[in-house]
């Protein structure tokens, strides 16, 4: 294998590795499909997971944690020992309390 052939092979390998990394990143960042329905269809007692709540409000998970830890966020539902959620009604009430005049 000549030097040129090894450079081409290496660059092909690097491109492929980068493409695979991007594909994994897209799969990881894909938000749950519960929010595909229009917001008017969501029931007030329906519980959204933390990531669904973040996606609904178009905020990052880090910002969502910051809002909940501040004590000024919506009421949280403890789904299990390590999982939390927010009801649609609590989210709606929280959004209305944040409105500006």
PDB file of N, CA and C in Angstrom:
ATOM      1  N   UNK A   1       0.852  -1.178   0.000  1.00  0.00           N
ATOM      2  CA  UNK A   1       0.000   0.000   0.000  1.00  0.00           C
ATOM      3  C   UNK A   1       0.892   1.235   0.000  1.00  0.00           C
ATOM      4  N   UNK A   2       0.647   2.141  -0.926  1.00  0.00           N
ATOM      5  CA  UNK A   2       1.443   3.349  -1.005  1.00  0.00           C
ATOM      6  C   UNK A   2       0.996   4.334   0.062  1.00  0.00           C
ATOM      7  N   UNK A   3       1.790   5.365   0.232  1.00  0.00           N
ATOM      8  CA  UNK A   3       1.466   6.388   1.222  1.00  0.00           C
ATOM      9  C   UNK A   3       0.143   7.072   0.884  1.00  0.00           C
ATOM     10  N   UNK A   4      -0.073   7.360  -0.382  1.00  0.00           N
ATOM     11  CA  UNK A   4      -1.320   8.006  -0.814  1.00  0.00           C
ATOM     12  C   UNK A   4      -2.536   7.127  -0.524  1.00  0.00           C
ATOM     13  N   UNK A   5      -2.389   5.819  -0.798  1.00  0.00           N
ATOM     14  CA  UNK A   5      -3.505   4.903  -0.532  1.00  0.00           C
ATOM     15  C   UNK A   5      -3.817   4.833   0.960  1.00  0.00           C
ATOM     16  N   UNK A   6      -2.796   4.851   1.802  1.00  0.00           N
ATOM     17  CA  UNK A   6      -3.044   4.795   3.242  1.00  0.00           C
ATOM     18  C   UNK A   6      -3.709   6.085   3.732  1.00  0.00           C
ATOM     19  N   UNK A   7      -3.321   7.237   3.150  1.00  0.00           N
ATOM     20  CA  UNK A   7      -3.972   8.501   3.517  1.00  0.00           C
ATOM     21  C   UNK A   7      -5.445   8.490   3.132  1.00  0.00           C
ATOM     22  N   UNK A   8      -5.750   7.990   1.935  1.00  0.00           N
ATOM     23  CA  UNK A   8      -7.138   7.915   1.498  1.00  0.00           C
ATOM     24  C   UNK A   8      -7.953   6.981   2.390  1.00  0.00           C
ATOM     25  N   UNK A   9      -7.363   5.852   2.742  1.00  0.00           N
ATOM     26  CA  UNK A   9      -8.064   4.900   3.607  1.00  0.00           C
ATOM     27  C   UNK A   9      -8.318   5.508   4.973  1.00  0.00           C
ATOM     28  N   UNK A  10      -7.338   6.218   5.493  1.00  0.00           N
ATOM     29  CA  UNK A  10      -7.479   6.832   6.798  1.00  0.00           C
ATOM     30  C   UNK A  10      -8.552   7.922   6.766  1.00  0.00           C
ATOM     31  N   UNK A  11      -8.579   8.727   5.744  1.00  0.00           N
ATOM     32  CA  UNK A  11      -9.574   9.795   5.677  1.00  0.00           C
ATOM     33  C   UNK A  11     -10.976   9.204   5.494  1.00  0.00           C
ATOM     34  N   UNK A  12     -11.073   8.098   4.742  1.00  0.00           N
ATOM     35  CA  UNK A  12     -12.369   7.428   4.604  1.00  0.00           C
ATOM     36  C   UNK A  12     -12.827   6.908   5.962  1.00  0.00           C
ATOM     37  N   UNK A  13     -11.901   6.330   6.705  1.00  0.00           N
ATOM     38  CA  UNK A  13     -12.230   5.817   8.035  1.00  0.00           C
ATOM     39  C   UNK A  13     -12.690   6.967   8.952  1.00  0.00           C
ATOM     40  N   UNK A  14     -12.005   8.091   8.894  1.00  0.00           N
ATOM     41  CA  UNK A  14     -12.364   9.232   9.732  1.00  0.00           C
ATOM     42  C   UNK A  14     -13.746   9.767   9.370  1.00  0.00           C
ATOM     43  N   UNK A  15     -14.051   9.849   8.068  1.00  0.00           N
ATOM     44  CA  UNK A  15     -15.374  10.327   7.649  1.00  0.00           C
ATOM     45  C   UNK A  15     -16.463   9.387   8.134  1.00  0.00           C
ATOM     46  N   UNK A  16     -16.206   8.093   8.001  1.00  0.00           N
ATOM     47  CA  UNK A  16     -17.210   7.106   8.424  1.00  0.00           C
ATOM     48  C   UNK A  16     -17.420   7.153   9.936  1.00  0.00           C
ATOM     49  N   UNK A  17     -16.337   7.281  10.688  1.00  0.00           N
ATOM     50  CA  UNK A  17     -16.450   7.351  12.146  1.00  0.00           C
ATOM     51  C   UNK A  17     -17.238   8.595  12.558  1.00  0.00           C
ATOM     52  N   UNK A  18     -16.978   9.708  11.899  1.00  0.00           N
ATOM     53  CA  UNK A  18     -17.706  10.942  12.206  1.00  0.00           C
ATOM     54  C   UNK A  18     -19.198  10.805  11.877  1.00  0.00           C
ATOM     55  N   UNK A  19     -19.509  10.194  10.742  1.00  0.00           N
ATOM     56  CA  UNK A  19     -20.911  10.007  10.348  1.00  0.00           C
ATOM     57  C   UNK A  19     -21.641   9.107  11.346  1.00  0.00           C
ATOM     58  N   UNK A  20     -20.976   8.053  11.801  1.00  0.00           N
ATOM     59  CA  UNK A  20     -21.594   7.156  12.779  1.00  0.00           C
ATOM     60  C   UNK A  20     -21.839   7.889  14.097  1.00  0.00           C
ATOM     61  N   UNK A  21     -20.900   8.734  14.494  1.00  0.00           N
ATOM     62  CA  UNK A  21     -21.047   9.492  15.737  1.00  0.00           C
ATOM     63  C   UNK A  21     -22.237  10.452  15.639  1.00  0.00           C
ATOM     64  N   UNK A  22     -22.377  11.116  14.509  1.00  0.00           N
ATOM     65  CA  UNK A  22     -23.491  12.038  14.317  1.00  0.00           C
ATOM     66  C   UNK A  22     -24.828  11.300  14.336  1.00  0.00           C
ATOM     67  N   UNK A  23     -24.860  10.109  13.743  1.00  0.00           N
ATOM     68  CA  UNK A  23     -26.085   9.319  13.712  1.00  0.00           C
ATOM     69  C   UNK A  23     -26.499   8.907  15.119  1.00  0.00           C
ATOM     70  N   UNK A  24     -25.529   8.481  15.929  1.00  0.00           N
ATOM     71  CA  UNK A  24     -25.823   8.116  17.325  1.00  0.00           C
ATOM     72  C   UNK A  24     -26.328   9.316  18.103  1.00  0.00           C
ATOM     73  N   UNK A  25     -25.735  10.477  17.851  1.00  0.00           N
ATOM     74  CA  UNK A  25     -26.134  11.695  18.544  1.00  0.00           C
ATOM     75  C   UNK A  25     -27.575  12.068  18.204  1.00  0.00           C
ATOM     76  N   UNK A  26     -27.961  11.934  16.929  1.00  0.00           N
ATOM     77  CA  UNK A  26     -29.328  12.243  16.512  1.00  0.00           C
ATOM     78  C   UNK A  26     -30.314  11.291  17.159  1.00  0.00           C
ATOM     79  N   UNK A  27     -29.971  10.003  17.226  1.00  0.00           N
ATOM     80  CA  UNK A  27     -30.860   9.032  17.863  1.00  0.00           C
ATOM     81  C   UNK A  27     -31.026   9.341  19.338  1.00  0.00           C
ATOM     82  N   UNK A  28     -29.957   9.739  19.999  1.00  0.00           N
ATOM     83  CA  UNK A  28     -29.985  10.030  21.423  1.00  0.00           C
ATOM     84  C   UNK A  28     -30.823  11.266  21.720  1.00  0.00           C
ATOM     85  N   UNK A  29     -30.733  12.278  20.873  1.00  0.00           N
ATOM     86  CA  UNK A  29     -31.419  13.541  21.114  1.00  0.00           C
ATOM     87  C   UNK A  29     -32.857  13.559  20.624  1.00  0.00           C
ATOM     88  N   UNK A  30     -33.329  12.470  20.044  1.00  0.00           N
ATOM     89  CA  UNK A  30     -34.691  12.443  19.546  1.00  0.00           C
ATOM     90  C   UNK A  30     -35.665  12.479  20.711  1.00  0.00           C
ATOM     91  N   UNK A  31     -36.606  13.403  20.661  1.00  0.00           N
ATOM     92  CA  UNK A  31     -37.556  13.557  21.754  1.00  0.00           C
ATOM     93  C   UNK A  31     -38.694  12.558  21.608  1.00  0.00           C
ATOM     94  N   UNK A  32     -39.337  12.215  22.716  1.00  0.00           N
ATOM     95  CA  UNK A  32     -40.443  11.259  22.679  1.00  0.00           C
ATOM     96  C   UNK A  32     -41.562  11.713  21.760  1.00  0.00           C
ATOM     97  N   UNK A  33     -42.328  10.744  21.252  1.00  0.00           N
ATOM     98  CA  UNK A  33     -43.352  11.035  20.256  1.00  0.00           C
ATOM     99  C   UNK A  33     -44.695  11.425  20.861  1.00  0.00           C
ATOM    100  N   UNK A  34     -44.821  11.481  22.191  1.00  0.00           N
ATOM    101  CA  UNK A  34     -46.078  11.849  22.823  1.00  0.00           C
ATOM    102  C   UNK A  34     -46.503  13.254  22.408  1.00  0.00           C
ATOM    103  N   UNK A  35     -45.552  14.096  22.124  1.00  0.00           N
ATOM    104  CA  UNK A  35     -45.851  15.486  21.835  1.00  0.00           C
ATOM    105  C   UNK A  35     -46.177  15.728  20.370  1.00  0.00           C
ATOM    106  N   UNK A  36     -46.298  14.665  19.589  1.00  0.00           N
ATOM    107  CA  UNK A  36     -46.658  14.824  18.193  1.00  0.00           C
ATOM    108  C   UNK A  36     -48.111  15.266  18.043  1.00  0.00           C
ATOM    109  N   UNK A  37     -48.936  14.978  19.036  1.00  0.00           N
ATOM    110  CA  UNK A  37     -50.343  15.363  18.993  1.00  0.00           C
ATOM    111  C   UNK A  37     -50.461  16.858  19.285  1.00  0.00           C
ATOM    112  N   UNK A  38     -51.503  17.515  18.754  1.00  0.00           N
ATOM    113  CA  UNK A  38     -51.718  18.924  19.074  1.00  0.00           C
ATOM    114  C   UNK A  38     -51.935  19.107  20.571  1.00  0.00           C
ATOM    115  N   UNK A  39     -51.537  20.257  21.085  1.00  0.00           N
ATOM    116  CA  UNK A  39     -51.632  20.502  22.522  1.00  0.00           C
ATOM    117  C   UNK A  39     -53.060  20.497  23.025  1.00  0.00           C
ATOM    118  N   UNK A  40     -54.034  20.827  22.185  1.00  0.00           N
ATOM    119  CA  UNK A  40     -55.422  20.854  22.617  1.00  0.00           C
ATOM    120  C   UNK A  40     -55.940  19.449  22.934  1.00  0.00           C
ATOM    121  N   UNK A  41     -55.299  18.405  22.402  1.00  0.00           N
ATOM    122  CA  UNK A  41     -55.737  17.032  22.640  1.00  0.00           C
ATOM    123  C   UNK A  41     -55.238  16.527  23.990  1.00  0.00           C
ATOM    124  N   UNK A  42     -54.140  17.084  24.509  1.00  0.00           N
ATOM    125  CA  UNK A  42     -53.576  16.610  25.759  1.00  0.00           C
ATOM    126  C   UNK A  42     -54.537  16.879  26.914  1.00  0.00           C
ATOM    127  N   UNK A  43     -54.725  15.876  27.750  1.00  0.00           N
ATOM    128  CA  UNK A  43     -55.611  15.954  28.894  1.00  0.00           C
ATOM    129  C   UNK A  43     -54.867  16.606  30.062  1.00  0.00           C
ATOM    130  N   UNK A  44     -55.554  17.395  30.895  1.00  0.00           N
ATOM    131  CA  UNK A  44     -54.899  18.085  32.002  1.00  0.00           C
ATOM    132  C   UNK A  44     -54.293  17.148  33.034  1.00  0.00           C
ATOM    133  N   UNK A  45     -54.831  15.943  33.161  1.00  0.00           N
ATOM    134  CA  UNK A  45     -54.290  15.004  34.149  1.00  0.00           C
ATOM    135  C   UNK A  45     -53.230  14.090  33.555  1.00  0.00           C
ATOM    136  N   UNK A  46     -52.953  14.210  32.273  1.00  0.00           N
ATOM    137  CA  UNK A  46     -51.919  13.399  31.629  1.00  0.00           C
ATOM    138  C   UNK A  46     -50.555  13.808  32.170  1.00  0.00           C
ATOM    139  N   UNK A  47     -49.736  12.821  32.506  1.00  0.00           N
ATOM    140  CA  UNK A  47     -48.414  13.081  33.061  1.00  0.00           C
ATOM    141  C   UNK A  47     -47.379  13.010  31.954  1.00  0.00           C
ATOM    142  N   UNK A  48     -46.585  14.058  31.852  1.00  0.00           N
ATOM    143  CA  UNK A  48     -45.465  14.100  30.910  1.00  0.00           C
ATOM    144  C   UNK A  48     -44.197  13.735  31.661  1.00  0.00           C
ATOM    145  N   UNK A  49     -43.330  12.948  31.043  1.00  0.00           N
ATOM    146  CA  UNK A  49     -42.038  12.688  31.660  1.00  0.00           C
ATOM    147  C   UNK A  49     -41.230  13.982  31.646  1.00  0.00           C
ATOM    148  N   UNK A  50     -40.140  13.975  32.371  1.00  0.00           N
ATOM    149  CA  UNK A  50     -39.322  15.180  32.452  1.00  0.00           C
ATOM    150  C   UNK A  50     -38.851  15.636  31.072  1.00  0.00           C
ATOM    151  N   UNK A  51     -38.362  14.699  30.245  1.00  0.00           N
ATOM    152  CA  UNK A  51     -37.873  15.074  28.914  1.00  0.00           C
ATOM    153  C   UNK A  51     -39.014  15.530  28.006  1.00  0.00           C
ATOM    154  N   UNK A  52     -40.200  14.929  28.140  1.00  0.00           N
ATOM    155  CA  UNK A  52     -41.359  15.387  27.364  1.00  0.00           C
ATOM    156  C   UNK A  52     -41.741  16.803  27.776  1.00  0.00           C
ATOM    157  N   UNK A  53     -41.691  17.076  29.077  1.00  0.00           N
ATOM    158  CA  UNK A  53     -42.001  18.417  29.570  1.00  0.00           C
ATOM    159  C   UNK A  53     -41.002  19.437  29.018  1.00  0.00           C
ATOM    160  N   UNK A  54     -39.721  19.065  29.009  1.00  0.00           N
ATOM    161  CA  UNK A  54     -38.692  19.958  28.454  1.00  0.00           C
ATOM    162  C   UNK A  54     -38.945  20.202  26.966  1.00  0.00           C
ATOM    163  N   UNK A  55     -39.278  19.138  26.234  1.00  0.00           N
ATOM    164  CA  UNK A  55     -39.527  19.282  24.795  1.00  0.00           C
ATOM    165  C   UNK A  55     -40.763  20.137  24.545  1.00  0.00           C
ATOM    166  N   UNK A  56     -41.799  19.972  25.357  1.00  0.00           N
ATOM    167  CA  UNK A  56     -43.023  20.744  25.201  1.00  0.00           C
ATOM    168  C   UNK A  56     -42.758  22.235  25.381  1.00  0.00           C
ATOM    169  N   UNK A  57     -41.910  22.578  26.332  1.00  0.00           N
ATOM    170  CA  UNK A  57     -41.597  23.979  26.610  1.00  0.00           C
ATOM    171  C   UNK A  57     -40.383  24.474  25.843  1.00  0.00           C
ATOM    172  N   UNK A  58     -39.819  23.609  25.022  1.00  0.00           N
ATOM    173  CA  UNK A  58     -38.642  23.938  24.196  1.00  0.00           C
ATOM    174  C   UNK A  58     -37.485  24.480  25.027  1.00  0.00           C
ATOM    175  N   UNK A  59     -37.169  23.745  26.097  1.00  0.00           N
ATOM    176  CA  UNK A  59     -36.026  24.087  26.933  1.00  0.00           C
ATOM    177  C   UNK A  59     -35.136  22.854  27.023  1.00  0.00           C
ATOM    178  N   UNK A  60     -33.881  23.068  27.370  1.00  0.00           N
ATOM    179  CA  UNK A  60     -32.960  21.946  27.512  1.00  0.00           C
ATOM    180  C   UNK A  60     -33.212  21.245  28.839  1.00  0.00           C
ATOM    181  N   UNK A  61     -32.688  20.047  28.966  1.00  0.00           N
ATOM    182  CA  UNK A  61     -32.849  19.292  30.208  1.00  0.00           C
ATOM    183  C   UNK A  61     -32.164  20.019  31.363  1.00  0.00           C
ATOM    184  N   UNK A  62     -31.026  20.638  31.103  1.00  0.00           N
ATOM    185  CA  UNK A  62     -30.309  21.376  32.143  1.00  0.00           C
ATOM    186  C   UNK A  62     -31.133  22.563  32.630  1.00  0.00           C
ATOM    187  N   UNK A  63     -31.736  23.307  31.718  1.00  0.00           N
ATOM    188  CA  UNK A  63     -32.583  24.437  32.099  1.00  0.00           C
ATOM    189  C   UNK A  63     -33.813  23.945  32.851  1.00  0.00           C
ATOM    190  N   UNK A  64     -34.377  22.816  32.432  1.00  0.00           N
ATOM    191  CA  UNK A  64     -35.526  22.246  33.123  1.00  0.00           C
ATOM    192  C   UNK A  64     -35.192  21.893  34.559  1.00  0.00           C
ATOM    193  N   UNK A  65     -34.031  21.281  34.780  1.00  0.00           N
ATOM    194  CA  UNK A  65     -33.602  20.961  36.144  1.00  0.00           C
ATOM    195  C   UNK A  65     -33.420  22.235  36.964  1.00  0.00           C
ATOM    196  N   UNK A  66     -32.844  23.258  36.342  1.00  0.00           N
ATOM    197  CA  UNK A  66     -32.625  24.521  37.041  1.00  0.00           C
ATOM    198  C   UNK A  66     -33.948  25.149  37.460  1.00  0.00           C
ATOM    199  N   UNK A  67     -34.945  25.104  36.578  1.00  0.00           N
ATOM    200  CA  UNK A  67     -36.268  25.670  36.883  1.00  0.00           C
ATOM    201  C   UNK A  67     -36.917  24.892  38.027  1.00  0.00           C
ATOM    202  N   UNK A  68     -36.867  23.569  37.970  1.00  0.00           N
ATOM    203  CA  UNK A  68     -37.498  22.761  39.022  1.00  0.00           C
ATOM    204  C   UNK A  68     -36.776  22.914  40.352  1.00  0.00           C
ATOM    205  N   UNK A  69     -35.458  22.995  40.334  1.00  0.00           N
ATOM    206  CA  UNK A  69     -34.702  23.148  41.570  1.00  0.00           C
ATOM    207  C   UNK A  69     -34.884  24.522  42.201  1.00  0.00           C
ATOM    208  N   UNK A  70     -35.270  25.515  41.417  1.00  0.00           N
ATOM    209  CA  UNK A  70     -35.461  26.859  41.954  1.00  0.00           C
ATOM    210  C   UNK A  70     -36.720  26.960  42.811  1.00  0.00           C
ATOM    211  N   UNK A  71     -37.653  26.029  42.629  1.00  0.00           N
ATOM    212  CA  UNK A  71     -38.893  26.073  43.396  1.00  0.00           C
ATOM    213  C   UNK A  71     -39.978  26.905  42.738  1.00  0.00           C
ATOM    214  N   UNK A  72     -39.675  27.509  41.590  1.00  0.00           N
ATOM    215  CA  UNK A  72     -40.657  28.334  40.888  1.00  0.00           C
ATOM    216  C   UNK A  72     -41.224  27.636  39.664  1.00  0.00           C
ATOM    217  N   UNK A  73     -40.947  26.358  39.526  1.00  0.00           N
ATOM    218  CA  UNK A  73     -41.432  25.585  38.390  1.00  0.00           C
ATOM    219  C   UNK A  73     -42.802  24.997  38.667  1.00  0.00           C
ATOM    220  N   UNK A  74     -43.287  24.177  37.756  1.00  0.00           N
ATOM    221  CA  UNK A  74     -44.593  23.536  37.958  1.00  0.00           C
ATOM    222  C   UNK A  74     -44.514  22.458  39.041  1.00  0.00           C
ATOM    223  N   UNK A  75     -45.676  22.041  39.511  1.00  0.00           N
ATOM    224  CA  UNK A  75     -45.754  20.968  40.494  1.00  0.00           C
ATOM    225  C   UNK A  75     -45.277  19.664  39.850  1.00  0.00           C
ATOM    226  N   UNK A  76     -44.466  18.927  40.586  1.00  0.00           N
ATOM    227  CA  UNK A  76     -43.840  17.717  40.056  1.00  0.00           C
ATOM    228  C   UNK A  76     -44.553  16.489  40.609  1.00  0.00           C
ATOM    229  N   UNK A  77     -44.703  15.472  39.758  1.00  0.00           N
ATOM    230  CA  UNK A  77     -45.264  14.184  40.156  1.00  0.00           C
ATOM    231  C   UNK A  77     -44.113  13.199  40.247  1.00  0.00           C
ATOM    232  N   UNK A  78     -44.002  12.504  41.396  1.00  0.00           N
ATOM    233  CA  UNK A  78     -42.944  11.509  41.569  1.00  0.00           C
ATOM    234  C   UNK A  78     -43.410  10.190  40.973  1.00  0.00           C
ATOM    235  N   UNK A  79     -42.896   9.824  39.796  1.00  0.00           N
ATOM    236  CA  UNK A  79     -43.322   8.613  39.109  1.00  0.00           C
ATOM    237  C   UNK A  79     -42.719   7.357  39.731  1.00  0.00           C
ATOM    238  N   UNK A  80     -41.490   7.433  40.157  1.00  0.00           N
ATOM    239  CA  UNK A  80     -40.822   6.340  40.863  1.00  0.00           C
ATOM    240  C   UNK A  80     -39.748   6.982  41.732  1.00  0.00           C
ATOM    241  N   UNK A  81     -38.878   6.179  42.303  1.00  0.00           N
ATOM    242  CA  UNK A  81     -37.857   6.755  43.189  1.00  0.00           C
ATOM    243  C   UNK A  81     -36.901   7.685  42.450  1.00  0.00           C
ATOM    244  N   UNK A  82     -36.709   7.447  41.148  1.00  0.00           N
ATOM    245  CA  UNK A  82     -35.763   8.270  40.399  1.00  0.00           C
ATOM    246  C   UNK A  82     -36.380   9.011  39.219  1.00  0.00           C
ATOM    247  N   UNK A  83     -37.681   8.828  38.967  1.00  0.00           N
ATOM    248  CA  UNK A  83     -38.310   9.470  37.804  1.00  0.00           C
ATOM    249  C   UNK A  83     -39.349  10.473  38.259  1.00  0.00           C
ATOM    250  N   UNK A  84     -39.369  11.613  37.582  1.00  0.00           N
ATOM    251  CA  UNK A  84     -40.358  12.640  37.878  1.00  0.00           C
ATOM    252  C   UNK A  84     -41.132  12.955  36.613  1.00  0.00           C
ATOM    253  N   UNK A  85     -42.272  13.588  36.786  1.00  0.00           N
ATOM    254  CA  UNK A  85     -43.098  14.008  35.665  1.00  0.00           C
ATOM    255  C   UNK A  85     -43.851  15.269  36.028  1.00  0.00           C
ATOM    256  N   UNK A  86     -44.504  15.842  35.050  1.00  0.00           N
ATOM    257  CA  UNK A  86     -45.300  17.049  35.242  1.00  0.00           C
ATOM    258  C   UNK A  86     -46.622  16.833  34.529  1.00  0.00           C
ATOM    259  N   UNK A  87     -47.731  17.115  35.194  1.00  0.00           N
ATOM    260  CA  UNK A  87     -49.020  16.978  34.526  1.00  0.00           C
ATOM    261  C   UNK A  87     -49.204  18.134  33.549  1.00  0.00           C
ATOM    262  N   UNK A  88     -50.012  17.907  32.544  1.00  0.00           N
ATOM    263  CA  UNK A  88     -50.273  18.933  31.532  1.00  0.00           C
ATOM    264  C   UNK A  88     -50.955  20.134  32.189  1.00  0.00           C
ATOM    265  N   UNK A  89     -51.866  19.863  33.126  1.00  0.00           N
ATOM    266  CA  UNK A  89     -52.556  20.945  33.829  1.00  0.00           C
ATOM    267  C   UNK A  89     -51.605  21.793  34.652  1.00  0.00           C
ATOM    268  N   UNK A  90     -50.658  21.148  35.363  1.00  0.00           N
ATOM    269  CA  UNK A  90     -49.677  21.885  36.162  1.00  0.00           C
ATOM    270  C   UNK A  90     -48.777  22.717  35.259  1.00  0.00           C
ATOM    271  N   UNK A  91     -48.425  22.172  34.111  1.00  0.00           N
ATOM    272  CA  UNK A  91     -47.602  22.918  33.159  1.00  0.00           C
ATOM    273  C   UNK A  91     -48.360  24.136  32.628  1.00  0.00           C
ATOM    274  N   UNK A  92     -49.637  23.944  32.300  1.00  0.00           N
ATOM    275  CA  UNK A  92     -50.458  25.048  31.798  1.00  0.00           C
ATOM    276  C   UNK A  92     -50.581  26.149  32.859  1.00  0.00           C
ATOM    277  N   UNK A  93     -50.830  25.751  34.102  1.00  0.00           N
ATOM    278  CA  UNK A  93     -50.944  26.718  35.197  1.00  0.00           C
ATOM    279  C   UNK A  93     -49.623  27.464  35.388  1.00  0.00           C
ATOM    280  N   UNK A  94     -48.500  26.753  35.337  1.00  0.00           N
ATOM    281  CA  UNK A  94     -47.182  27.366  35.483  1.00  0.00           C
ATOM    282  C   UNK A  94     -46.910  28.350  34.350  1.00  0.00           C
ATOM    283  N   UNK A  95     -47.264  27.969  33.111  1.00  0.00           N
ATOM    284  CA  UNK A  95     -47.055  28.872  31.982  1.00  0.00           C
ATOM    285  C   UNK A  95     -47.895  30.143  32.137  1.00  0.00           C
ATOM    286  N   UNK A  96     -49.144  30.008  32.609  1.00  0.00           N
ATOM    287  CA  UNK A  96     -49.998  31.179  32.793  1.00  0.00           C
ATOM    288  C   UNK A  96     -49.442  32.096  33.883  1.00  0.00           C
ATOM    289  N   UNK A  97     -48.825  31.507  34.913  1.00  0.00           N
ATOM    290  CA  UNK A  97     -48.247  32.344  35.977  1.00  0.00           C
ATOM    291  C   UNK A  97     -47.008  33.094  35.489  1.00  0.00           C
ATOM    292  N   UNK A  98     -46.400  32.635  34.415  1.00  0.00           N
ATOM    293  CA  UNK A  98     -45.207  33.268  33.864  1.00  0.00           C
ATOM    294  C   UNK A  98     -45.513  34.312  32.795  1.00  0.00           C
ATOM    295  N   UNK A  99     -46.783  34.483  32.439  1.00  0.00           N
ATOM    296  CA  UNK A  99     -47.148  35.442  31.386  1.00  0.00           C
ATOM    297  C   UNK A  99     -46.849  36.868  31.805  1.00  0.00           C
ATOM    298  N   UNK A 100     -46.443  37.659  30.844  1.00  0.00           N
ATOM    299  CA  UNK A 100     -46.222  39.086  31.088  1.00  0.00           C
ATOM    300  C   UNK A 100     -47.422  39.860  30.596  1.00  0.00           C
ATOM    301  N   UNK A 101     -47.648  40.987  31.226  1.00  0.00           N
ATOM    302  CA  UNK A 101     -48.803  41.815  30.843  1.00  0.00           C
ATOM    303  C   UNK A 101     -48.554  42.601  29.590  1.00  0.00           C
TER     304      UNK A 101
END
